[in-house]
N, C-alpha and C. Protein backbone atom coordinates (compact mmCIF):
# COMPACT_ATOMS: atom_id res chain seq x y z
N MET A 1 112.76 81.74 112.20
CA MET A 1 112.34 80.69 113.54
C MET A 1 110.84 81.02 114.06
N THR A 2 110.24 80.23 114.10
CA THR A 2 109.60 80.77 115.24
C THR A 2 109.32 80.13 116.20
N GLU A 3 108.50 80.45 116.85
CA GLU A 3 108.27 79.89 118.05
C GLU A 3 108.32 78.39 118.99
N LEU A 4 108.24 77.72 117.55
CA LEU A 4 107.91 76.06 117.72
C LEU A 4 109.47 75.40 117.74
N ASN A 5 110.62 76.19 116.95
CA ASN A 5 111.34 75.35 116.93
C ASN A 5 112.19 76.62 118.10
N LYS A 6 112.28 76.84 118.63
CA LYS A 6 113.21 78.10 118.94
C LYS A 6 113.52 76.87 120.50
N MET A 7 112.38 75.92 121.01
CA MET A 7 112.57 75.33 122.13
C MET A 7 113.64 74.70 122.18
N THR A 8 113.96 73.95 123.51
CA THR A 8 115.49 73.29 123.80
C THR A 8 114.73 71.84 123.31
N ALA A 9 115.43 70.97 123.35
CA ALA A 9 115.25 69.55 123.32
C ALA A 9 114.20 69.18 124.82
N GLY A 10 114.97 69.55 125.33
CA GLY A 10 114.20 69.15 126.65
C GLY A 10 112.35 69.92 126.75
N GLU A 11 111.89 70.95 126.24
CA GLU A 11 111.19 71.23 126.50
C GLU A 11 110.14 70.58 125.05
N ALA A 12 111.32 70.37 123.89
CA ALA A 12 110.66 69.46 122.74
C ALA A 12 110.05 68.46 123.65
N VAL A 13 110.71 67.40 124.08
CA VAL A 13 109.81 65.93 124.85
C VAL A 13 109.08 66.58 125.67
N GLU A 14 108.80 67.80 126.47
CA GLU A 14 107.99 67.89 127.20
C GLU A 14 106.41 68.32 127.02
N ARG A 15 106.81 68.69 125.59
CA ARG A 15 105.39 69.58 124.63
C ARG A 15 105.17 68.08 123.95
N LEU A 16 105.88 66.62 123.77
CA LEU A 16 105.31 65.19 122.99
C LEU A 16 104.67 65.06 124.52
N ARG A 17 105.25 64.73 125.50
CA ARG A 17 104.34 63.90 126.55
C ARG A 17 103.59 64.63 126.85
N ARG A 18 103.33 66.33 126.36
CA ARG A 18 101.82 66.32 127.25
C ARG A 18 100.87 66.07 125.86
N GLY A 19 101.71 66.00 125.05
CA GLY A 19 100.28 65.58 123.84
C GLY A 19 100.19 64.36 123.65
N ASN A 20 100.78 63.25 123.99
CA ASN A 20 100.65 61.73 124.35
C ASN A 20 99.56 61.61 125.32
N ALA A 21 100.28 62.44 126.35
CA ALA A 21 98.96 62.44 126.81
C ALA A 21 97.71 63.11 127.01
N GLU A 22 97.42 64.08 126.22
CA GLU A 22 95.85 64.23 125.82
C GLU A 22 95.84 63.33 124.35
N PHE A 23 96.58 62.82 124.06
CA PHE A 23 95.62 61.48 123.00
C PHE A 23 95.53 60.31 124.09
N VAL A 24 96.32 59.88 124.64
CA VAL A 24 95.40 58.71 125.30
C VAL A 24 94.42 59.03 126.05
N ALA A 25 94.19 60.54 126.67
CA ALA A 25 93.08 60.51 127.27
C ALA A 25 91.58 60.66 126.54
N SER A 26 91.89 61.13 125.19
CA SER A 26 90.34 62.25 124.28
C SER A 26 90.39 60.65 122.99
N GLY A 27 91.70 59.88 123.16
CA GLY A 27 91.25 58.95 121.95
C GLY A 27 91.17 59.83 120.42
N VAL A 28 91.17 61.17 120.32
CA VAL A 28 91.18 62.01 119.06
C VAL A 28 92.07 62.88 118.59
N MET A 29 92.78 63.24 116.96
CA MET A 29 93.69 64.03 117.18
C MET A 29 92.86 65.66 117.20
N ARG A 30 93.95 66.02 117.99
CA ARG A 30 93.23 67.37 118.24
C ARG A 30 94.45 68.73 117.53
N GLY A 31 95.60 67.64 116.72
CA GLY A 31 96.60 69.30 116.17
C GLY A 31 95.63 70.17 115.20
N ASP A 32 96.17 71.02 115.04
CA ASP A 32 95.81 72.12 114.06
C ASP A 32 95.64 71.78 113.02
N VAL A 33 95.19 71.38 112.14
CA VAL A 33 94.54 70.88 110.82
C VAL A 33 94.29 71.98 110.02
N SER A 34 93.56 73.20 110.42
CA SER A 34 92.63 74.09 110.02
C SER A 34 93.26 74.95 108.55
N PRO A 35 92.62 75.43 107.96
CA PRO A 35 92.90 76.72 106.32
C PRO A 35 94.31 77.49 107.21
N ASN A 36 93.59 77.55 108.48
CA ASN A 36 94.64 79.04 108.86
C ASN A 36 96.25 78.40 108.29
N ILE A 37 96.37 77.35 109.35
CA ILE A 37 97.48 76.82 109.01
C ILE A 37 98.41 76.13 108.11
N ARG A 38 97.62 76.01 107.13
CA ARG A 38 98.37 75.48 106.11
C ARG A 38 98.22 76.88 105.23
N ALA A 39 97.91 78.10 105.28
CA ALA A 39 97.72 79.20 104.49
C ALA A 39 99.08 79.52 105.51
N GLU A 40 99.50 79.63 106.73
CA GLU A 40 100.25 80.23 107.19
C GLU A 40 101.83 79.49 107.08
N THR A 41 101.84 78.12 106.77
CA THR A 41 103.02 77.49 106.55
C THR A 41 103.36 77.17 105.06
N VAL A 42 102.22 77.41 104.59
CA VAL A 42 103.31 78.01 103.10
C VAL A 42 103.46 79.31 102.54
N LYS A 43 102.87 80.47 103.02
CA LYS A 43 103.55 81.60 103.62
C LYS A 43 104.45 81.40 104.10
N ASN A 44 104.62 81.08 105.26
CA ASN A 44 106.07 81.31 106.03
C ASN A 44 106.50 80.20 106.67
N GLY A 45 106.52 79.38 105.49
CA GLY A 45 107.97 78.27 105.78
C GLY A 45 106.74 77.36 107.14
N GLN A 46 108.23 76.29 107.29
CA GLN A 46 107.85 74.98 108.63
C GLN A 46 108.58 74.95 109.36
N SER A 47 108.23 75.14 110.27
CA SER A 47 108.79 75.30 111.56
C SER A 47 108.62 73.99 112.25
N PRO A 48 108.97 73.42 112.35
CA PRO A 48 108.85 72.11 113.12
C PRO A 48 109.69 72.18 114.18
N TYR A 49 109.07 71.62 115.51
CA TYR A 49 110.09 71.43 117.11
C TYR A 49 110.43 70.11 116.94
N ALA A 50 110.31 69.20 115.93
CA ALA A 50 110.81 68.13 116.58
C ALA A 50 111.24 67.00 115.28
N VAL A 51 111.47 66.25 115.66
CA VAL A 51 111.62 64.82 114.59
C VAL A 51 110.68 63.54 114.99
N ILE A 52 110.59 62.98 113.71
CA ILE A 52 110.10 61.89 114.29
C ILE A 52 110.49 60.72 113.47
N VAL A 53 111.62 59.95 113.35
CA VAL A 53 111.47 58.78 112.91
C VAL A 53 110.63 57.67 113.09
N SER A 54 109.62 57.23 112.37
CA SER A 54 108.71 55.96 112.96
C SER A 54 108.53 54.90 111.95
N CYS A 55 107.80 54.28 112.24
CA CYS A 55 107.77 53.01 111.47
C CYS A 55 105.87 53.21 110.25
N SER A 56 106.34 52.44 109.12
CA SER A 56 105.53 52.77 108.47
C SER A 56 103.80 52.13 109.24
N ASP A 57 104.08 51.66 109.65
CA ASP A 57 102.61 51.32 109.68
C ASP A 57 102.01 51.62 109.97
N SER A 58 100.04 51.95 109.74
CA SER A 58 99.31 52.79 109.38
C SER A 58 98.88 52.91 110.74
N ARG A 59 99.24 51.75 112.01
CA ARG A 59 98.47 52.01 113.19
C ARG A 59 99.34 53.29 113.99
N VAL A 60 100.61 53.69 113.64
CA VAL A 60 101.63 54.18 114.16
C VAL A 60 101.25 56.01 113.29
N ILE A 61 100.51 56.97 113.83
CA ILE A 61 100.87 58.30 113.29
C ILE A 61 100.74 59.23 114.50
N PRO A 62 102.38 59.54 114.02
CA PRO A 62 102.92 60.48 114.95
C PRO A 62 102.24 61.79 115.18
N GLU A 63 101.64 62.50 114.32
CA GLU A 63 101.21 64.11 114.63
C GLU A 63 100.01 63.43 115.31
N ALA A 64 98.82 62.15 115.23
CA ALA A 64 97.55 62.12 116.15
C ALA A 64 98.44 60.96 117.45
N ILE A 65 99.52 60.90 117.50
CA ILE A 65 100.20 59.90 119.38
C ILE A 65 100.91 61.39 120.04
N PHE A 66 100.94 62.58 119.01
CA PHE A 66 101.40 64.11 119.76
C PHE A 66 100.59 64.82 120.07
N SER A 67 99.46 64.66 119.06
CA SER A 67 98.58 65.45 119.30
C SER A 67 98.56 67.00 118.33
N ALA A 68 99.51 66.88 117.67
CA ALA A 68 100.71 67.34 116.56
C ALA A 68 99.81 68.60 115.41
N GLY A 69 99.65 69.20 114.88
CA GLY A 69 98.95 69.45 113.55
C GLY A 69 99.94 69.93 112.48
N ILE A 70 99.80 70.46 111.49
CA ILE A 70 100.76 70.54 110.51
C ILE A 70 101.64 71.38 110.60
N GLY A 71 102.87 71.56 110.54
CA GLY A 71 103.60 72.32 110.36
C GLY A 71 104.47 72.26 111.64
N GLU A 72 104.30 71.13 112.86
CA GLU A 72 104.83 71.07 114.19
C GLU A 72 106.26 69.88 114.30
N LEU A 73 105.74 68.59 113.87
CA LEU A 73 106.84 67.64 113.74
C LEU A 73 106.85 67.74 112.41
N PHE A 74 108.42 67.37 112.01
CA PHE A 74 109.03 66.14 110.66
C PHE A 74 109.21 64.95 111.09
N VAL A 75 107.87 64.08 110.22
CA VAL A 75 107.96 63.13 109.99
C VAL A 75 108.67 61.97 108.76
N ILE A 76 109.43 61.41 109.33
CA ILE A 76 110.36 60.53 108.60
C ILE A 76 109.67 59.46 109.03
N ARG A 77 109.11 58.00 107.87
CA ARG A 77 108.56 57.05 108.78
C ARG A 77 109.24 55.89 107.20
N ALA A 78 109.57 55.03 107.76
CA ALA A 78 110.25 53.59 107.37
C ALA A 78 109.85 52.70 107.98
N ALA A 79 109.63 51.38 107.40
CA ALA A 79 109.21 50.53 107.39
C ALA A 79 110.58 49.84 108.60
N GLY A 80 109.94 49.76 109.71
CA GLY A 80 111.20 49.17 111.32
C GLY A 80 111.33 50.25 111.80
N ASN A 81 110.88 51.21 111.12
CA ASN A 81 111.59 52.50 111.91
C ASN A 81 113.31 52.24 111.71
N VAL A 82 113.87 51.96 110.64
CA VAL A 82 115.23 52.09 110.82
C VAL A 82 116.05 52.97 110.13
N VAL A 83 117.18 53.01 110.66
CA VAL A 83 118.02 54.45 110.17
C VAL A 83 118.88 54.12 109.33
N GLY A 84 119.02 54.15 107.83
CA GLY A 84 119.97 53.98 106.94
C GLY A 84 120.38 55.52 106.60
N ASP A 85 120.66 55.57 105.29
CA ASP A 85 121.49 56.87 104.60
C ASP A 85 120.34 58.10 104.35
N HIS A 86 118.70 57.50 104.09
CA HIS A 86 117.98 58.66 103.60
C HIS A 86 117.36 59.21 104.43
N GLU A 87 116.95 58.02 105.62
CA GLU A 87 116.74 58.33 107.49
C GLU A 87 117.66 59.89 107.18
N LEU A 88 119.11 59.48 107.32
CA LEU A 88 119.61 60.04 108.40
C LEU A 88 119.98 61.95 107.57
N GLY A 89 119.78 61.55 106.14
CA GLY A 89 119.63 63.03 105.21
C GLY A 89 118.79 63.99 105.77
N SER A 90 117.55 62.90 105.88
CA SER A 90 116.17 64.00 106.27
C SER A 90 116.44 64.52 107.76
N ILE A 91 116.44 63.50 108.27
CA ILE A 91 117.45 64.08 109.87
C ILE A 91 118.10 65.34 109.80
N GLU A 92 119.31 65.12 109.23
CA GLU A 92 120.30 66.14 108.99
C GLU A 92 119.31 67.42 108.49
N TYR A 93 118.75 67.42 107.45
CA TYR A 93 117.64 68.31 106.92
C TYR A 93 116.76 69.24 108.05
N ALA A 94 116.39 68.40 108.89
CA ALA A 94 114.94 69.05 109.92
C ALA A 94 116.05 69.63 110.60
N VAL A 95 117.09 69.28 111.05
CA VAL A 95 118.01 69.68 112.46
C VAL A 95 118.72 70.92 111.93
N SER A 96 119.91 71.06 110.24
CA SER A 96 120.52 72.47 109.93
C SER A 96 119.74 73.10 109.38
N HIS A 97 119.12 72.92 108.93
CA HIS A 97 117.95 74.10 108.08
C HIS A 97 116.55 74.20 108.44
N LEU A 98 116.31 73.51 109.30
CA LEU A 98 114.72 73.92 109.90
C LEU A 98 114.52 74.21 111.50
N GLY A 99 116.20 74.09 111.74
CA GLY A 99 116.25 74.29 113.43
C GLY A 99 116.03 73.13 114.61
N CYS A 100 115.42 72.11 114.28
CA CYS A 100 114.57 71.21 114.92
C CYS A 100 115.82 70.56 116.32
N SER A 101 115.58 70.74 117.54
CA SER A 101 116.39 70.43 118.82
C SER A 101 116.18 69.08 119.02
N LEU A 102 114.91 68.73 118.45
CA LEU A 102 115.36 67.10 119.21
C LEU A 102 114.53 66.02 117.66
N VAL A 103 115.10 65.16 117.69
CA VAL A 103 115.05 63.59 116.99
C VAL A 103 114.66 62.94 117.94
N VAL A 104 113.73 61.71 117.52
CA VAL A 104 113.03 60.80 118.20
C VAL A 104 113.03 59.34 117.19
N ILE A 105 113.67 58.67 117.60
CA ILE A 105 113.54 57.24 116.95
C ILE A 105 112.71 56.74 117.54
N MET A 106 111.36 56.19 117.13
CA MET A 106 110.34 55.91 118.18
C MET A 106 109.99 54.04 117.39
N GLY A 107 109.90 53.29 118.07
CA GLY A 107 109.18 52.28 117.90
C GLY A 107 108.36 51.46 117.95
N HIS A 108 107.77 50.73 117.92
CA HIS A 108 106.01 50.52 118.52
C HIS A 108 106.19 48.91 118.96
N THR A 109 105.36 48.45 119.66
CA THR A 109 104.54 46.51 119.64
C THR A 109 103.80 46.95 118.03
N HIS A 110 104.36 45.10 118.26
CA HIS A 110 103.85 44.49 117.52
C HIS A 110 104.26 44.96 115.80
N CYS A 111 105.49 45.29 116.05
CA CYS A 111 105.97 45.32 114.33
C CYS A 111 106.24 44.96 113.51
N GLY A 112 105.72 44.63 112.69
CA GLY A 112 105.28 43.51 111.42
C GLY A 112 107.18 43.70 111.42
N ALA A 113 108.23 44.55 110.92
CA ALA A 113 109.19 44.18 110.60
C ALA A 113 110.21 43.51 111.87
N VAL A 114 109.84 43.98 112.77
CA VAL A 114 110.19 43.02 113.98
C VAL A 114 110.62 41.95 113.67
N HIS A 115 108.67 41.08 113.77
CA HIS A 115 108.30 39.86 113.51
C HIS A 115 109.06 38.99 112.88
N SER A 116 109.61 39.62 111.42
CA SER A 116 109.69 39.38 110.22
C SER A 116 111.58 38.99 110.76
N ALA A 117 112.08 39.94 111.00
CA ALA A 117 113.82 39.99 111.72
C ALA A 117 113.59 39.06 112.58
N VAL A 118 113.04 38.86 113.53
CA VAL A 118 113.23 37.60 114.66
C VAL A 118 112.85 36.71 114.45
N ASN A 119 111.84 35.96 113.15
CA ASN A 119 111.57 34.82 112.65
C ASN A 119 112.23 34.79 111.33
N ASP A 120 113.02 35.37 110.65
CA ASP A 120 113.64 35.06 109.51
C ASP A 120 112.62 35.04 108.56
N GLU A 121 112.22 35.48 107.86
CA GLU A 121 111.29 35.34 107.12
C GLU A 121 111.43 37.06 106.42
N PRO A 122 112.44 37.19 106.01
CA PRO A 122 112.74 38.47 104.76
C PRO A 122 112.50 37.99 103.29
N HIS A 123 112.39 38.71 102.61
CA HIS A 123 111.98 38.24 101.22
C HIS A 123 111.93 39.77 100.84
N GLY A 124 111.90 39.27 99.07
CA GLY A 124 112.35 40.70 98.28
C GLY A 124 112.85 42.09 98.57
N TYR A 125 113.10 43.16 98.77
CA TYR A 125 113.52 44.70 99.27
C TYR A 125 113.13 44.42 100.65
N VAL A 126 112.26 44.13 101.22
CA VAL A 126 111.87 43.58 102.96
C VAL A 126 112.56 43.53 103.70
N GLY A 127 113.50 42.13 102.64
CA GLY A 127 115.08 41.86 103.64
C GLY A 127 115.83 42.61 104.23
N SER A 128 116.36 44.14 102.81
CA SER A 128 117.13 44.54 103.39
C SER A 128 117.42 45.36 105.10
N ILE A 129 115.72 45.64 104.91
CA ILE A 129 114.99 46.19 106.22
C ILE A 129 115.40 45.36 107.49
N THR A 130 114.29 43.71 107.34
CA THR A 130 115.08 43.42 108.43
C THR A 130 116.29 42.67 108.83
N LYS A 131 117.10 42.53 107.51
CA LYS A 131 118.88 42.82 108.40
C LYS A 131 119.17 44.14 108.82
N MET A 132 118.55 45.15 108.67
CA MET A 132 119.14 46.21 109.91
C MET A 132 119.11 45.44 111.26
N ILE A 133 117.23 45.40 111.05
CA ILE A 133 116.65 44.98 112.22
C ILE A 133 118.17 43.39 113.26
N ALA A 134 117.88 42.64 112.45
CA ALA A 134 118.49 41.43 112.84
C ALA A 134 119.62 41.83 113.33
N ASP A 135 120.59 42.77 112.47
CA ASP A 135 122.08 42.91 112.90
C ASP A 135 121.59 44.33 113.99
N ALA A 136 121.12 44.47 114.38
CA ALA A 136 120.91 45.29 116.10
C ALA A 136 120.31 44.62 116.67
N ALA A 137 119.76 43.47 116.82
CA ALA A 137 118.74 42.33 118.08
C ALA A 137 120.34 41.97 117.71
N CYS A 138 121.02 41.45 117.33
CA CYS A 138 122.65 40.45 117.99
C CYS A 138 122.29 39.33 118.57
N GLY A 139 121.11 38.75 117.50
CA GLY A 139 120.43 37.23 118.16
C GLY A 139 119.27 36.88 119.01
N VAL A 140 119.04 38.26 119.69
CA VAL A 140 117.87 38.01 120.92
C VAL A 140 116.47 37.89 119.78
N LYS A 141 115.93 37.12 120.55
CA LYS A 141 114.51 36.48 119.54
C LYS A 141 112.99 37.17 120.24
N ASP A 142 113.26 38.18 121.50
CA ASP A 142 112.52 38.86 122.29
C ASP A 142 112.13 39.43 121.31
N GLU A 143 110.42 39.48 120.90
CA GLU A 143 110.30 40.78 119.80
C GLU A 143 110.54 42.29 120.84
N SER A 144 110.04 41.98 121.84
CA SER A 144 109.44 43.75 122.24
C SER A 144 111.45 43.77 122.95
N GLU A 145 112.40 43.26 122.87
CA GLU A 145 113.55 43.70 123.27
C GLU A 145 114.40 43.98 121.74
N VAL A 146 113.95 43.14 120.55
CA VAL A 146 114.55 43.77 119.18
C VAL A 146 113.94 44.91 119.21
N CYS A 147 112.78 45.09 119.43
CA CYS A 147 111.91 46.39 119.16
C CYS A 147 113.01 47.56 120.57
N ARG A 148 113.29 47.70 121.05
CA ARG A 148 114.37 48.36 121.54
C ARG A 148 115.56 48.38 121.59
N GLN A 149 116.20 47.40 121.18
CA GLN A 149 117.88 47.29 120.36
C GLN A 149 117.58 48.02 119.18
N ASN A 150 116.69 47.57 118.28
CA ASN A 150 116.46 48.49 117.14
C ASN A 150 116.72 50.18 117.23
N VAL A 151 115.89 50.42 118.07
CA VAL A 151 115.35 51.84 118.56
C VAL A 151 117.13 52.19 119.05
N ALA A 152 117.53 51.83 120.31
CA ALA A 152 118.99 52.44 120.20
C ALA A 152 119.97 52.34 119.44
N CYS A 153 120.35 51.63 118.32
CA CYS A 153 120.95 51.20 117.04
C CYS A 153 120.51 53.02 116.52
N GLY A 154 118.93 52.56 115.82
CA GLY A 154 119.26 53.90 115.41
C GLY A 154 119.66 55.35 116.15
N VAL A 155 119.45 55.52 117.21
CA VAL A 155 119.42 56.87 118.14
C VAL A 155 121.41 56.65 118.19
N LYS A 156 121.85 55.58 118.21
CA LYS A 156 123.47 55.17 117.96
C LYS A 156 123.83 56.40 116.84
N SER A 157 123.27 55.39 115.86
CA SER A 157 123.07 56.39 114.28
C SER A 157 123.25 57.61 113.95
N ALA A 158 122.38 58.33 114.70
CA ALA A 158 122.10 59.28 114.22
C ALA A 158 122.99 60.19 115.47
N ALA A 159 122.94 59.57 116.32
CA ALA A 159 124.33 60.26 116.81
C ALA A 159 125.49 60.46 116.60
N GLU A 160 125.96 59.36 116.22
CA GLU A 160 127.36 59.05 115.68
C GLU A 160 127.41 59.48 114.42
N SER A 161 126.47 60.20 113.57
CA SER A 161 126.31 60.12 111.92
C SER A 161 126.69 61.23 111.84
N LEU A 162 125.54 62.05 112.64
CA LEU A 162 125.33 63.44 113.00
C LEU A 162 125.93 64.61 113.82
N GLY A 163 126.33 63.54 115.09
CA GLY A 163 127.19 64.24 115.95
C GLY A 163 125.54 65.09 117.31
N LEU A 164 124.95 64.09 117.70
CA LEU A 164 123.78 64.84 117.60
C LEU A 164 123.96 64.05 119.51
N SER A 165 123.14 65.04 120.48
CA SER A 165 123.52 64.44 121.42
C SER A 165 122.77 63.10 122.05
N ALA A 166 122.73 62.95 123.67
CA ALA A 166 121.62 62.16 124.02
C ALA A 166 121.10 63.27 125.09
N ASP A 167 122.01 63.88 125.79
CA ASP A 167 121.31 65.22 127.14
C ASP A 167 120.22 66.34 125.82
N ILE A 168 119.67 65.96 126.81
CA ILE A 168 117.96 66.80 126.20
C ILE A 168 118.37 68.38 126.53
N ASN A 169 119.23 68.45 127.66
CA ASN A 169 119.03 69.86 128.54
C ASN A 169 121.12 70.30 127.92
N GLY A 170 121.09 69.87 127.06
CA GLY A 170 122.50 70.17 126.62
C GLY A 170 122.48 71.57 125.58
N GLY A 171 121.40 72.38 125.36
CA GLY A 171 121.13 73.19 124.60
C GLY A 171 121.05 72.52 122.83
N GLY A 172 121.97 71.69 122.56
CA GLY A 172 122.23 71.46 121.37
C GLY A 172 121.15 70.71 120.73
N ALA A 173 120.83 70.20 119.66
CA ALA A 173 119.75 68.90 119.35
C ALA A 173 120.68 68.08 119.86
N ALA A 174 119.06 67.28 120.10
CA ALA A 174 119.48 65.72 120.48
C ALA A 174 118.85 64.44 119.95
N VAL A 175 119.51 63.40 120.59
CA VAL A 175 118.62 62.39 119.69
C VAL A 175 118.23 61.89 121.11
N ILE A 176 116.98 60.44 121.30
CA ILE A 176 116.13 60.18 121.73
C ILE A 176 115.69 59.08 121.25
N GLY A 177 115.38 58.24 122.14
CA GLY A 177 114.57 57.12 122.00
C GLY A 177 113.38 56.36 122.52
N ALA A 178 112.35 56.15 121.59
CA ALA A 178 110.91 56.19 122.21
C ALA A 178 110.13 54.87 121.72
N ILE A 179 108.96 54.23 122.43
CA ILE A 179 108.52 53.15 122.22
C ILE A 179 106.95 53.15 122.28
N TYR A 180 106.23 53.22 121.30
CA TYR A 180 104.77 53.54 121.19
C TYR A 180 103.96 52.04 121.69
N ASP A 181 102.94 52.38 122.60
CA ASP A 181 102.04 50.59 122.45
C ASP A 181 101.03 50.91 121.85
N THR A 182 101.25 50.56 120.55
CA THR A 182 99.76 50.34 119.75
C THR A 182 98.16 49.94 120.63
N GLU A 183 98.54 48.87 121.50
CA GLU A 183 97.07 48.95 121.99
C GLU A 183 96.84 50.04 123.19
N LEU A 184 97.59 50.34 123.47
CA LEU A 184 97.55 51.79 125.10
C LEU A 184 97.81 52.70 124.20
N GLY A 185 97.98 53.49 123.37
CA GLY A 185 98.81 54.14 122.89
C GLY A 185 99.42 55.20 123.20
N SER A 186 99.97 54.83 124.13
CA SER A 186 100.79 55.88 125.03
C SER A 186 102.75 55.48 124.45
N VAL A 187 103.30 56.68 124.88
CA VAL A 187 104.47 56.53 124.27
C VAL A 187 105.50 56.28 125.34
N GLU A 188 106.68 55.65 125.73
CA GLU A 188 107.98 55.55 126.52
C GLU A 188 108.97 55.80 125.96
N PHE A 189 109.27 57.29 126.85
CA PHE A 189 110.39 57.86 126.12
C PHE A 189 111.83 56.80 126.52
N ILE A 190 112.96 57.16 125.57
CA ILE A 190 113.89 56.41 126.59
C ILE A 190 114.94 57.32 126.62
N LEU A 191 115.29 57.89 127.91
CA LEU A 191 116.57 58.85 127.25
C LEU A 191 117.55 58.68 128.20
């Protein structure tokens, strides 16, 4: 295990906050993607300090948002940042095999999947995603609130299914929510 994944969940949240502040201030990706870091992670494996479950939306790039480079984040992307069996399996792997102490379920503003769930526009396989979001929304129609409820549902699912805590200072692996503002570039952590 390297220094990255020896962080507590609280330290990981602070690192994500600093990285996001740097991203917002600079507007560019600052993570290390050099040949040296690629060679290092090939030789010694990956040791991410946090898991980020985010939407597949092309405007939501967790590595850029948190000023992270290769090997720093374990990113799981699914439309609408829904948390089902596949995402839970990936989270479980990152926590139990890679030593990640923090899991962040991150929704975002102007999410197409949330919009479709609110406006009852599911079609094809997308319907399974929008159904999960609509179920989390419990009849709410405000897209901002639906986004928050969908994140809360993902946090609850990860916590209950994998035995994760909401306490980032508790010493074990923790799961929290976050909302990324696609216009401002900032992240609001929901602790």
